[in-house]
Amino acid sequence: MAKKERDPEAIAIGQRIRQARLARRLTLEKLAEAADTSIQFLSQVEKGEQHMTMIKFGRLAKALGVSSDYLLFGSERSLGTAQLAAEYLAALSPVDRSMVTKLVLELQGLMDATAPEG
């Protein structure tokens, strides 16, 4: 039986994941725990042998503290505050996202109430 050919893009993504993990001095075990996945799965992803769902991909980017653009394309560009916030919110559960949204709206109300007139 022939060995399955690995996708070059999956290999490149896996390499960026590994580089980000090592740069943050995380073990496979610590990253797997933070991303709510298994060590074996994460090891296969780093080697380009396994693909991820979008949910796992988002959890992994969040756990590594990198953008999805970086993992997908190797983009080193600096993300704006709004985009970082959007990526963070997208990775949250619906319940957590709702809580954060309510908190931001309450904060906006407080800021509006204490802002000087004019």
PDB file of N, CA and C in Angstrom:
ATOM      1  N   MET A   1       0.837  -1.169   0.000  1.00  0.00           N
ATOM      2  CA  MET A   1       0.000   0.000   0.000  1.00  0.00           C
ATOM      3  C   MET A   1       0.887   1.240   0.000  1.00  0.00           C
ATOM      4  N   ALA A   2       0.608   2.193  -0.891  1.00  0.00           N
ATOM      5  CA  ALA A   2       1.418   3.399  -1.011  1.00  0.00           C
ATOM      6  C   ALA A   2       1.101   4.366   0.126  1.00  0.00           C
ATOM      7  N   LYS A   3       2.144   5.048   0.559  1.00  0.00           N
ATOM      8  CA  LYS A   3       1.984   6.038   1.616  1.00  0.00           C
ATOM      9  C   LYS A   3       1.267   7.257   1.047  1.00  0.00           C
ATOM     10  N   LYS A   4       0.317   7.820   1.821  1.00  0.00           N
ATOM     11  CA  LYS A   4      -0.448   8.978   1.374  1.00  0.00           C
ATOM     12  C   LYS A   4       0.465  10.201   1.262  1.00  0.00           C
ATOM     13  N   GLU A   5       0.325  10.909   0.151  1.00  0.00           N
ATOM     14  CA  GLU A   5       1.114  12.117  -0.109  1.00  0.00           C
ATOM     15  C   GLU A   5       0.614  13.248   0.796  1.00  0.00           C
ATOM     16  N   ARG A   6       1.539  13.929   1.470  1.00  0.00           N
ATOM     17  CA  ARG A   6       1.158  15.047   2.337  1.00  0.00           C
ATOM     18  C   ARG A   6       1.003  16.314   1.504  1.00  0.00           C
ATOM     19  N   ASP A   7       0.009  17.106   1.842  1.00  0.00           N
ATOM     20  CA  ASP A   7      -0.280  18.359   1.153  1.00  0.00           C
ATOM     21  C   ASP A   7       0.766  19.399   1.540  1.00  0.00           C
ATOM     22  N   PRO A   8       1.402  20.057   0.566  1.00  0.00           N
ATOM     23  CA  PRO A   8       2.437  21.061   0.873  1.00  0.00           C
ATOM     24  C   PRO A   8       1.910  22.209   1.754  1.00  0.00           C
ATOM     25  N   GLU A   9       0.657  22.605   1.560  1.00  0.00           N
ATOM     26  CA  GLU A   9       0.087  23.672   2.383  1.00  0.00           C
ATOM     27  C   GLU A   9      -0.098  23.200   3.824  1.00  0.00           C
ATOM     28  N   ALA A  10      -0.530  21.954   4.004  1.00  0.00           N
ATOM     29  CA  ALA A  10      -0.692  21.406   5.351  1.00  0.00           C
ATOM     30  C   ALA A  10       0.664  21.313   6.054  1.00  0.00           C
ATOM     31  N   ILE A  11       1.699  20.987   5.305  1.00  0.00           N
ATOM     32  CA  ILE A  11       3.049  20.924   5.871  1.00  0.00           C
ATOM     33  C   ILE A  11       3.495  22.313   6.316  1.00  0.00           C
ATOM     34  N   ALA A  12       3.262  23.319   5.466  1.00  0.00           N
ATOM     35  CA  ALA A  12       3.665  24.698   5.798  1.00  0.00           C
ATOM     36  C   ALA A  12       2.911  25.213   7.018  1.00  0.00           C
ATOM     37  N   ILE A  13       1.610  24.936   7.103  1.00  0.00           N
ATOM     38  CA  ILE A  13       0.818  25.354   8.268  1.00  0.00           C
ATOM     39  C   ILE A  13       1.339  24.660   9.513  1.00  0.00           C
ATOM     40  N   GLY A  14       1.606  23.382   9.407  1.00  0.00           N
ATOM     41  CA  GLY A  14       2.142  22.620  10.540  1.00  0.00           C
ATOM     42  C   GLY A  14       3.474  23.173  11.021  1.00  0.00           C
ATOM     43  N   GLN A  15       4.316  23.575  10.080  1.00  0.00           N
ATOM     44  CA  GLN A  15       5.612  24.157  10.453  1.00  0.00           C
ATOM     45  C   GLN A  15       5.428  25.482  11.193  1.00  0.00           C
ATOM     46  N   ARG A  16       4.470  26.307  10.731  1.00  0.00           N
ATOM     47  CA  ARG A  16       4.218  27.581  11.415  1.00  0.00           C
ATOM     48  C   ARG A  16       3.644  27.352  12.808  1.00  0.00           C
ATOM     49  N   ILE A  17       2.802  26.347  12.946  1.00  0.00           N
ATOM     50  CA  ILE A  17       2.258  26.016  14.266  1.00  0.00           C
ATOM     51  C   ILE A  17       3.390  25.603  15.194  1.00  0.00           C
ATOM     52  N   ARG A  18       4.273  24.741  14.701  1.00  0.00           N
ATOM     53  CA  ARG A  18       5.401  24.288  15.517  1.00  0.00           C
ATOM     54  C   ARG A  18       6.315  25.456  15.896  1.00  0.00           C
ATOM     55  N   GLN A  19       6.612  26.328  14.925  1.00  0.00           N
ATOM     56  CA  GLN A  19       7.467  27.489  15.201  1.00  0.00           C
ATOM     57  C   GLN A  19       6.842  28.391  16.265  1.00  0.00           C
ATOM     58  N   ALA A  20       5.534  28.636  16.146  1.00  0.00           N
ATOM     59  CA  ALA A  20       4.848  29.485  17.127  1.00  0.00           C
ATOM     60  C   ALA A  20       4.849  28.818  18.496  1.00  0.00           C
ATOM     61  N   ARG A  21       4.650  27.511  18.521  1.00  0.00           N
ATOM     62  CA  ARG A  21       4.649  26.773  19.796  1.00  0.00           C
ATOM     63  C   ARG A  21       6.011  26.859  20.465  1.00  0.00           C
ATOM     64  N   LEU A  22       7.068  26.630  19.693  1.00  0.00           N
ATOM     65  CA  LEU A  22       8.421  26.669  20.252  1.00  0.00           C
ATOM     66  C   LEU A  22       8.811  28.086  20.670  1.00  0.00           C
ATOM     67  N   ALA A  23       8.384  29.083  19.906  1.00  0.00           N
ATOM     68  CA  ALA A  23       8.687  30.471  20.251  1.00  0.00           C
ATOM     69  C   ALA A  23       8.056  30.854  21.591  1.00  0.00           C
ATOM     70  N   ARG A  24       6.944  30.209  21.922  1.00  0.00           N
ATOM     71  CA  ARG A  24       6.270  30.478  23.189  1.00  0.00           C
ATOM     72  C   ARG A  24       6.657  29.479  24.274  1.00  0.00           C
ATOM     73  N   ARG A  25       7.633  28.649  23.940  1.00  0.00           N
ATOM     74  CA  ARG A  25       8.155  27.629  24.853  1.00  0.00           C
ATOM     75  C   ARG A  25       7.056  26.730  25.421  1.00  0.00           C
ATOM     76  N   LEU A  26       6.164  26.300  24.517  1.00  0.00           N
ATOM     77  CA  LEU A  26       5.093  25.390  24.902  1.00  0.00           C
ATOM     78  C   LEU A  26       5.439  23.977  24.461  1.00  0.00           C
ATOM     79  N   THR A  27       5.160  23.021  25.305  1.00  0.00           N
ATOM     80  CA  THR A  27       5.297  21.621  24.911  1.00  0.00           C
ATOM     81  C   THR A  27       4.053  21.237  24.114  1.00  0.00           C
ATOM     82  N   LEU A  28       4.131  20.132  23.402  1.00  0.00           N
ATOM     83  CA  LEU A  28       2.949  19.619  22.714  1.00  0.00           C
ATOM     84  C   LEU A  28       1.818  19.411  23.716  1.00  0.00           C
ATOM     85  N   GLU A  29       2.167  18.906  24.888  1.00  0.00           N
ATOM     86  CA  GLU A  29       1.163  18.631  25.921  1.00  0.00           C
ATOM     87  C   GLU A  29       0.457  19.907  26.363  1.00  0.00           C
ATOM     88  N   LYS A  30       1.220  20.970  26.637  1.00  0.00           N
ATOM     89  CA  LYS A  30       0.626  22.234  27.100  1.00  0.00           C
ATOM     90  C   LYS A  30      -0.250  22.860  26.020  1.00  0.00           C
ATOM     91  N   LEU A  31       0.222  22.851  24.774  1.00  0.00           N
ATOM     92  CA  LEU A  31      -0.564  23.427  23.693  1.00  0.00           C
ATOM     93  C   LEU A  31      -1.825  22.601  23.434  1.00  0.00           C
ATOM     94  N   ALA A  32      -1.697  21.299  23.451  1.00  0.00           N
ATOM     95  CA  ALA A  32      -2.858  20.437  23.247  1.00  0.00           C
ATOM     96  C   ALA A  32      -3.914  20.704  24.325  1.00  0.00           C
ATOM     97  N   GLU A  33      -3.462  20.866  25.555  1.00  0.00           N
ATOM     98  CA  GLU A  33      -4.387  21.163  26.652  1.00  0.00           C
ATOM     99  C   GLU A  33      -5.058  22.517  26.437  1.00  0.00           C
ATOM    100  N   ALA A  34      -4.278  23.538  26.080  1.00  0.00           N
ATOM    101  CA  ALA A  34      -4.817  24.882  25.879  1.00  0.00           C
ATOM    102  C   ALA A  34      -5.783  24.940  24.691  1.00  0.00           C
ATOM    103  N   ALA A  35      -5.534  24.126  23.675  1.00  0.00           N
ATOM    104  CA  ALA A  35      -6.367  24.121  22.470  1.00  0.00           C
ATOM    105  C   ALA A  35      -7.458  23.057  22.526  1.00  0.00           C
ATOM    106  N   ASP A  36      -7.553  22.351  23.644  1.00  0.00           N
ATOM    107  CA  ASP A  36      -8.570  21.314  23.841  1.00  0.00           C
ATOM    108  C   ASP A  36      -8.525  20.250  22.740  1.00  0.00           C
ATOM    109  N   THR A  37      -7.323  19.710  22.545  1.00  0.00           N
ATOM    110  CA  THR A  37      -7.146  18.639  21.571  1.00  0.00           C
ATOM    111  C   THR A  37      -6.149  17.632  22.137  1.00  0.00           C
ATOM    112  N   SER A  38      -5.839  16.607  21.377  1.00  0.00           N
ATOM    113  CA  SER A  38      -4.906  15.590  21.865  1.00  0.00           C
ATOM    114  C   SER A  38      -3.487  15.872  21.392  1.00  0.00           C
ATOM    115  N   ILE A  39      -2.539  15.354  22.132  1.00  0.00           N
ATOM    116  CA  ILE A  39      -1.128  15.493  21.775  1.00  0.00           C
ATOM    117  C   ILE A  39      -0.867  14.807  20.432  1.00  0.00           C
ATOM    118  N   GLN A  40      -1.447  13.634  20.245  1.00  0.00           N
ATOM    119  CA  GLN A  40      -1.232  12.874  19.015  1.00  0.00           C
ATOM    120  C   GLN A  40      -1.748  13.645  17.801  1.00  0.00           C
ATOM    121  N   PHE A  41      -2.949  14.222  17.932  1.00  0.00           N
ATOM    122  CA  PHE A  41      -3.524  14.987  16.830  1.00  0.00           C
ATOM    123  C   PHE A  41      -2.645  16.193  16.508  1.00  0.00           C
ATOM    124  N   LEU A  42      -2.238  16.911  17.538  1.00  0.00           N
ATOM    125  CA  LEU A  42      -1.406  18.092  17.349  1.00  0.00           C
ATOM    126  C   LEU A  42      -0.073  17.732  16.700  1.00  0.00           C
ATOM    127  N   SER A  43       0.514  16.632  17.099  1.00  0.00           N
ATOM    128  CA  SER A  43       1.765  16.177  16.502  1.00  0.00           C
ATOM    129  C   SER A  43       1.578  15.895  15.010  1.00  0.00           C
ATOM    130  N   GLN A  44       0.469  15.256  14.664  1.00  0.00           N
ATOM    131  CA  GLN A  44       0.185  14.963  13.258  1.00  0.00           C
ATOM    132  C   GLN A  44      -0.054  16.246  12.463  1.00  0.00           C
ATOM    133  N   VAL A  45      -0.714  17.227  13.076  1.00  0.00           N
ATOM    134  CA  VAL A  45      -0.943  18.512  12.404  1.00  0.00           C
ATOM    135  C   VAL A  45       0.391  19.196  12.133  1.00  0.00           C
ATOM    136  N   GLU A  46       1.267  19.212  13.125  1.00  0.00           N
ATOM    137  CA  GLU A  46       2.586  19.847  12.945  1.00  0.00           C
ATOM    138  C   GLU A  46       3.388  19.195  11.822  1.00  0.00           C
ATOM    139  N   LYS A  47       3.176  17.915  11.591  1.00  0.00           N
ATOM    140  CA  LYS A  47       3.885  17.200  10.522  1.00  0.00           C
ATOM    141  C   LYS A  47       3.166  17.308   9.182  1.00  0.00           C
ATOM    142  N   GLY A  48       2.000  17.950   9.169  1.00  0.00           N
ATOM    143  CA  GLY A  48       1.222  18.061   7.934  1.00  0.00           C
ATOM    144  C   GLY A  48       0.507  16.785   7.566  1.00  0.00           C
ATOM    145  N   GLU A  49       0.339  15.896   8.525  1.00  0.00           N
ATOM    146  CA  GLU A  49      -0.303  14.606   8.269  1.00  0.00           C
ATOM    147  C   GLU A  49      -1.797  14.614   8.573  1.00  0.00           C
ATOM    148  N   GLN A  50      -2.261  15.658   9.237  1.00  0.00           N
ATOM    149  CA  GLN A  50      -3.654  15.730   9.669  1.00  0.00           C
ATOM    150  C   GLN A  50      -4.194  17.129   9.390  1.00  0.00           C
ATOM    151  N   HIS A  51      -5.474  17.214   9.043  1.00  0.00           N
ATOM    152  CA  HIS A  51      -6.132  18.493   8.802  1.00  0.00           C
ATOM    153  C   HIS A  51      -7.037  18.800   9.988  1.00  0.00           C
ATOM    154  N   MET A  52      -7.408  20.087  10.127  1.00  0.00           N
ATOM    155  CA  MET A  52      -8.216  20.515  11.269  1.00  0.00           C
ATOM    156  C   MET A  52      -9.553  21.063  10.828  1.00  0.00           C
ATOM    157  N   THR A  53     -10.511  21.002  11.750  1.00  0.00           N
ATOM    158  CA  THR A  53     -11.759  21.723  11.528  1.00  0.00           C
ATOM    159  C   THR A  53     -11.498  23.193  11.818  1.00  0.00           C
ATOM    160  N   MET A  54     -12.402  24.045  11.413  1.00  0.00           N
ATOM    161  CA  MET A  54     -12.244  25.479  11.674  1.00  0.00           C
ATOM    162  C   MET A  54     -12.262  25.755  13.179  1.00  0.00           C
ATOM    163  N   ILE A  55     -13.047  25.010  13.904  1.00  0.00           N
ATOM    164  CA  ILE A  55     -13.130  25.223  15.351  1.00  0.00           C
ATOM    165  C   ILE A  55     -11.796  24.896  16.002  1.00  0.00           C
ATOM    166  N   LYS A  56     -11.210  23.767  15.646  1.00  0.00           N
ATOM    167  CA  LYS A  56      -9.898  23.417  16.203  1.00  0.00           C
ATOM    168  C   LYS A  56      -8.838  24.420  15.771  1.00  0.00           C
ATOM    169  N   PHE A  57      -8.930  24.866  14.520  1.00  0.00           N
ATOM    170  CA  PHE A  57      -7.982  25.845  14.007  1.00  0.00           C
ATOM    171  C   PHE A  57      -8.059  27.134  14.823  1.00  0.00           C
ATOM    172  N   GLY A  58      -9.268  27.598  15.087  1.00  0.00           N
ATOM    173  CA  GLY A  58      -9.457  28.809  15.886  1.00  0.00           C
ATOM    174  C   GLY A  58      -8.932  28.658  17.295  1.00  0.00           C
ATOM    175  N   ARG A  59      -9.201  27.525  17.909  1.00  0.00           N
ATOM    176  CA  ARG A  59      -8.706  27.264  19.269  1.00  0.00           C
ATOM    177  C   ARG A  59      -7.182  27.249  19.298  1.00  0.00           C
ATOM    178  N   LEU A  60      -6.598  26.666  18.274  1.00  0.00           N
ATOM    179  CA  LEU A  60      -5.141  26.575  18.202  1.00  0.00           C
ATOM    180  C   LEU A  60      -4.511  27.953  18.030  1.00  0.00           C
ATOM    181  N   ALA A  61      -5.056  28.767  17.133  1.00  0.00           N
ATOM    182  CA  ALA A  61      -4.535  30.128  16.932  1.00  0.00           C
ATOM    183  C   ALA A  61      -4.652  30.925  18.226  1.00  0.00           C
ATOM    184  N   LYS A  62      -5.771  30.797  18.894  1.00  0.00           N
ATOM    185  CA  LYS A  62      -5.982  31.520  20.154  1.00  0.00           C
ATOM    186  C   LYS A  62      -4.984  31.050  21.212  1.00  0.00           C
ATOM    187  N   ALA A  63      -4.810  29.748  21.337  1.00  0.00           N
ATOM    188  CA  ALA A  63      -3.882  29.202  22.329  1.00  0.00           C
ATOM    189  C   ALA A  63      -2.445  29.635  22.053  1.00  0.00           C
ATOM    190  N   LEU A  64      -2.107  29.809  20.780  1.00  0.00           N
ATOM    191  CA  LEU A  64      -0.758  30.237  20.407  1.00  0.00           C
ATOM    192  C   LEU A  64      -0.603  31.757  20.451  1.00  0.00           C
ATOM    193  N   GLY A  65      -1.713  32.464  20.506  1.00  0.00           N
ATOM    194  CA  GLY A  65      -1.656  33.921  20.508  1.00  0.00           C
ATOM    195  C   GLY A  65      -1.221  34.493  19.173  1.00  0.00           C
ATOM    196  N   VAL A  66      -1.606  33.822  18.087  1.00  0.00           N
ATOM    197  CA  VAL A  66      -1.266  34.290  16.744  1.00  0.00           C
ATOM    198  C   VAL A  66      -2.555  34.433  15.932  1.00  0.00           C
ATOM    199  N   SER A  67      -2.469  35.157  14.835  1.00  0.00           N
ATOM    200  CA  SER A  67      -3.638  35.319  13.976  1.00  0.00           C
ATOM    201  C   SER A  67      -3.805  34.091  13.082  1.00  0.00           C
ATOM    202  N   SER A  68      -5.028  33.921  12.621  1.00  0.00           N
ATOM    203  CA  SER A  68      -5.269  32.839  11.670  1.00  0.00           C
ATOM    204  C   SER A  68      -4.528  33.116  10.362  1.00  0.00           C
ATOM    205  N   ASP A  69      -4.375  34.408  10.001  1.00  0.00           N
ATOM    206  CA  ASP A  69      -3.597  34.768   8.804  1.00  0.00           C
ATOM    207  C   ASP A  69      -2.176  34.242   8.903  1.00  0.00           C
ATOM    208  N   TYR A  70      -1.585  34.382  10.081  1.00  0.00           N
ATOM    209  CA  TYR A  70      -0.215  33.903  10.252  1.00  0.00           C
ATOM    210  C   TYR A  70      -0.148  32.392  10.033  1.00  0.00           C
ATOM    211  N   LEU A  71      -1.052  31.657  10.674  1.00  0.00           N
ATOM    212  CA  LEU A  71      -1.008  30.194  10.538  1.00  0.00           C
ATOM    213  C   LEU A  71      -1.291  29.757   9.107  1.00  0.00           C
ATOM    214  N   LEU A  72      -2.242  30.396   8.449  1.00  0.00           N
ATOM    215  CA  LEU A  72      -2.594  29.993   7.089  1.00  0.00           C
ATOM    216  C   LEU A  72      -1.579  30.434   6.042  1.00  0.00           C
ATOM    217  N   PHE A  73      -1.141  31.689   6.153  1.00  0.00           N
ATOM    218  CA  PHE A  73      -0.351  32.267   5.071  1.00  0.00           C
ATOM    219  C   PHE A  73       1.055  32.696   5.467  1.00  0.00           C
ATOM    220  N   GLY A  74       1.370  32.645   6.753  1.00  0.00           N
ATOM    221  CA  GLY A  74       2.676  33.086   7.202  1.00  0.00           C
ATOM    222  C   GLY A  74       2.794  34.592   7.259  1.00  0.00           C
ATOM    223  N   SER A  75       1.660  35.268   7.214  1.00  0.00           N
ATOM    224  CA  SER A  75       1.644  36.727   7.218  1.00  0.00           C
ATOM    225  C   SER A  75       2.157  37.257   8.546  1.00  0.00           C
ATOM    226  N   GLU A  76       3.119  38.147   8.471  1.00  0.00           N
ATOM    227  CA  GLU A  76       3.698  38.739   9.671  1.00  0.00           C
ATOM    228  C   GLU A  76       3.118  40.117   9.936  1.00  0.00           C
ATOM    229  N   ARG A  77       2.097  40.488   9.161  1.00  0.00           N
ATOM    230  CA  ARG A  77       1.575  41.844   9.288  1.00  0.00           C
ATOM    231  C   ARG A  77       0.997  42.076  10.678  1.00  0.00           C
ATOM    232  N   SER A  78       1.015  43.308  11.055  1.00  0.00           N
ATOM    233  CA  SER A  78       0.485  43.702  12.342  1.00  0.00           C
ATOM    234  C   SER A  78      -1.027  43.839  12.230  1.00  0.00           C
ATOM    235  N   LEU A  79      -1.736  43.200  13.112  1.00  0.00           N
ATOM    236  CA  LEU A  79      -3.191  43.270  13.082  1.00  0.00           C
ATOM    237  C   LEU A  79      -3.680  44.497  13.832  1.00  0.00           C
ATOM    238  N   GLY A  80      -4.721  45.110  13.308  1.00  0.00           N
ATOM    239  CA  GLY A  80      -5.342  46.231  13.994  1.00  0.00           C
ATOM    240  C   GLY A  80      -6.126  45.739  15.194  1.00  0.00           C
ATOM    241  N   THR A  81      -6.404  46.636  16.095  1.00  0.00           N
ATOM    242  CA  THR A  81      -7.129  46.297  17.314  1.00  0.00           C
ATOM    243  C   THR A  81      -8.489  45.691  17.004  1.00  0.00           C
ATOM    244  N   ALA A  82      -9.201  46.267  16.045  1.00  0.00           N
ATOM    245  CA  ALA A  82     -10.536  45.760  15.704  1.00  0.00           C
ATOM    246  C   ALA A  82     -10.463  44.332  15.170  1.00  0.00           C
ATOM    247  N   GLN A  83      -9.457  44.035  14.354  1.00  0.00           N
ATOM    248  CA  GLN A  83      -9.342  42.685  13.807  1.00  0.00           C
ATOM    249  C   GLN A  83      -8.952  41.686  14.893  1.00  0.00           C
ATOM    250  N   LEU A  84      -8.058  42.084  15.783  1.00  0.00           N
ATOM    251  CA  LEU A  84      -7.702  41.201  16.892  1.00  0.00           C
ATOM    252  C   LEU A  84      -8.920  40.900  17.744  1.00  0.00           C
ATOM    253  N   ALA A  85      -9.721  41.934  18.027  1.00  0.00           N
ATOM    254  CA  ALA A  85     -10.935  41.745  18.822  1.00  0.00           C
ATOM    255  C   ALA A  85     -11.912  40.821  18.101  1.00  0.00           C
ATOM    256  N   ALA A  86     -12.061  41.008  16.797  1.00  0.00           N
ATOM    257  CA  ALA A  86     -12.974  40.167  16.013  1.00  0.00           C
ATOM    258  C   ALA A  86     -12.530  38.708  16.030  1.00  0.00           C
ATOM    259  N   GLU A  87     -11.233  38.464  15.884  1.00  0.00           N
ATOM    260  CA  GLU A  87     -10.730  37.088  15.910  1.00  0.00           C
ATOM    261  C   GLU A  87     -10.913  36.467  17.292  1.00  0.00           C
ATOM    262  N   TYR A  88     -10.687  37.276  18.328  1.00  0.00           N
ATOM    263  CA  TYR A  88     -10.882  36.777  19.689  1.00  0.00           C
ATOM    264  C   TYR A  88     -12.351  36.404  19.910  1.00  0.00           C
ATOM    265  N   LEU A  89     -13.260  37.305  19.522  1.00  0.00           N
ATOM    266  CA  LEU A  89     -14.685  37.046  19.701  1.00  0.00           C
ATOM    267  C   LEU A  89     -15.145  35.834  18.902  1.00  0.00           C
ATOM    268  N   ALA A  90     -14.622  35.679  17.702  1.00  0.00           N
ATOM    269  CA  ALA A  90     -15.011  34.551  16.854  1.00  0.00           C
ATOM    270  C   ALA A  90     -14.621  33.215  17.466  1.00  0.00           C
ATOM    271  N   ALA A  91     -13.573  33.209  18.272  1.00  0.00           N
ATOM    272  CA  ALA A  91     -13.101  31.958  18.869  1.00  0.00           C
ATOM    273  C   ALA A  91     -13.861  31.610  20.156  1.00  0.00           C
ATOM    274  N   LEU A  92     -14.655  32.546  20.666  1.00  0.00           N
ATOM    275  CA  LEU A  92     -15.395  32.294  21.903  1.00  0.00           C
ATOM    276  C   LEU A  92     -16.641  31.466  21.637  1.00  0.00           C
ATOM    277  N   SER A  93     -17.117  30.819  22.690  1.00  0.00           N
ATOM    278  CA  SER A  93     -18.393  30.108  22.593  1.00  0.00           C
ATOM    279  C   SER A  93     -19.496  31.154  22.487  1.00  0.00           C
ATOM    280  N   PRO A  94     -20.665  30.786  21.982  1.00  0.00           N
ATOM    281  CA  PRO A  94     -21.762  31.761  21.887  1.00  0.00           C
ATOM    282  C   PRO A  94     -22.124  32.394  23.233  1.00  0.00           C
ATOM    283  N   VAL A  95     -22.089  31.622  24.290  1.00  0.00           N
ATOM    284  CA  VAL A  95     -22.416  32.151  25.620  1.00  0.00           C
ATOM    285  C   VAL A  95     -21.364  33.176  26.048  1.00  0.00           C
ATOM    286  N   ASP A  96     -20.083  32.835  25.903  1.00  0.00           N
ATOM    287  CA  ASP A  96     -19.010  33.765  26.272  1.00  0.00           C
ATOM    288  C   ASP A  96     -19.047  35.019  25.401  1.00  0.00           C
ATOM    289  N   ARG A  97     -19.325  34.852  24.105  1.00  0.00           N
ATOM    290  CA  ARG A  97     -19.407  35.999  23.197  1.00  0.00           C
ATOM    291  C   ARG A  97     -20.530  36.940  23.621  1.00  0.00           C
ATOM    292  N   SER A  98     -21.651  36.383  24.019  1.00  0.00           N
ATOM    293  CA  SER A  98     -22.768  37.194  24.490  1.00  0.00           C
ATOM    294  C   SER A  98     -22.395  37.966  25.749  1.00  0.00           C
ATOM    295  N   MET A  99     -21.695  37.311  26.667  1.00  0.00           N
ATOM    296  CA  MET A  99     -21.268  37.976  27.899  1.00  0.00           C
ATOM    297  C   MET A  99     -20.309  39.124  27.597  1.00  0.00           C
ATOM    298  N   VAL A 100     -19.352  38.905  26.712  1.00  0.00           N
ATOM    299  CA  VAL A 100     -18.387  39.947  26.358  1.00  0.00           C
ATOM    300  C   VAL A 100     -19.104  41.108  25.667  1.00  0.00           C
ATOM    301  N   THR A 101     -20.039  40.805  24.795  1.00  0.00           N
ATOM    302  CA  THR A 101     -20.797  41.856  24.100  1.00  0.00           C
ATOM    303  C   THR A 101     -21.566  42.710  25.099  1.00  0.00           C
ATOM    304  N   LYS A 102     -22.228  42.080  26.055  1.00  0.00           N
ATOM    305  CA  LYS A 102     -22.965  42.831  27.078  1.00  0.00           C
ATOM    306  C   LYS A 102     -22.019  43.701  27.894  1.00  0.00           C
ATOM    307  N   LEU A 103     -20.868  43.174  28.233  1.00  0.00           N
ATOM    308  CA  LEU A 103     -19.887  43.934  29.001  1.00  0.00           C
ATOM    309  C   LEU A 103     -19.399  45.160  28.226  1.00  0.00           C
ATOM    310  N   VAL A 104     -19.115  44.983  26.941  1.00  0.00           N
ATOM    311  CA  VAL A 104     -18.655  46.100  26.114  1.00  0.00           C
ATOM    312  C   VAL A 104     -19.743  47.161  26.009  1.00  0.00           C
ATOM    313  N   LEU A 105     -20.991  46.747  25.832  1.00  0.00           N
ATOM    314  CA  LEU A 105     -22.088  47.710  25.733  1.00  0.00           C
ATOM    315  C   LEU A 105     -22.282  48.470  27.046  1.00  0.00           C
ATOM    316  N   GLU A 106     -22.139  47.770  28.162  1.00  0.00           N
ATOM    317  CA  GLU A 106     -22.224  48.444  29.462  1.00  0.00           C
ATOM    318  C   GLU A 106     -21.080  49.440  29.624  1.00  0.00           C
ATOM    319  N   LEU A 107     -19.903  49.063  29.220  1.00  0.00           N
ATOM    320  CA  LEU A 107     -18.749  49.962  29.288  1.00  0.00           C
ATOM    321  C   LEU A 107     -18.967  51.191  28.405  1.00  0.00           C
ATOM    322  N   GLN A 108     -19.516  50.974  27.216  1.00  0.00           N
ATOM    323  CA  GLN A 108     -19.806  52.102  26.331  1.00  0.00           C
ATOM    324  C   GLN A 108     -20.800  53.053  26.989  1.00  0.00           C
ATOM    325  N   GLY A 109     -21.816  52.514  27.651  1.00  0.00           N
ATOM    326  CA  GLY A 109     -22.794  53.339  28.346  1.00  0.00           C
ATOM    327  C   GLY A 109     -22.156  54.167  29.453  1.00  0.00           C
ATOM    328  N   LEU A 110     -21.259  53.544  30.202  1.00  0.00           N
ATOM    329  CA  LEU A 110     -20.549  54.269  31.271  1.00  0.00           C
ATOM    330  C   LEU A 110     -19.669  55.375  30.692  1.00  0.00           C
ATOM    331  N   MET A 111     -18.990  55.080  29.614  1.00  0.00           N
ATOM    332  CA  MET A 111     -18.129  56.077  28.980  1.00  0.00           C
ATOM    333  C   MET A 111     -18.959  57.252  28.439  1.00  0.00           C
ATOM    334  N   ASP A 112     -20.105  56.932  27.829  1.00  0.00           N
ATOM    335  CA  ASP A 112     -20.974  57.990  27.312  1.00  0.00           C
ATOM    336  C   ASP A 112     -21.508  58.856  28.463  1.00  0.00           C
ATOM    337  N   ALA A 113     -21.840  58.236  29.582  1.00  0.00           N
ATOM    338  CA  ALA A 113     -22.406  58.962  30.717  1.00  0.00           C
ATOM    339  C   ALA A 113     -21.379  59.857  31.396  1.00  0.00           C
ATOM    340  N   THR A 114     -20.112  59.500  31.329  1.00  0.00           N
ATOM    341  CA  THR A 114     -19.071  60.293  32.008  1.00  0.00           C
ATOM    342  C   THR A 114     -18.290  61.189  31.057  1.00  0.00           C
ATOM    343  N   ALA A 115     -18.616  61.134  29.763  1.00  0.00           N
ATOM    344  CA  ALA A 115     -17.889  61.963  28.780  1.00  0.00           C
ATOM    345  C   ALA A 115     -18.295  63.430  28.944  1.00  0.00           C
ATOM    346  N   PRO A 116     -17.322  64.316  28.841  1.00  0.00           N
ATOM    347  CA  PRO A 116     -17.651  65.758  28.918  1.00  0.00           C
ATOM    348  C   PRO A 116     -18.537  66.160  27.740  1.00  0.00           C
ATOM    349  N   GLU A 117     -19.439  67.069  27.978  1.00  0.00           N
ATOM    350  CA  GLU A 117     -20.334  67.520  26.911  1.00  0.00           C
ATOM    351  C   GLU A 117     -19.594  68.442  25.956  1.00  0.00           C
ATOM    352  N   GLY A 118     -20.044  68.429  24.693  1.00  0.00           N
ATOM    353  CA  GLY A 118     -19.459  69.345  23.722  1.00  0.00           C
ATOM    354  C   GLY A 118     -18.599  68.646  22.807  1.00  0.00           C
TER     355      GLY A 118
END
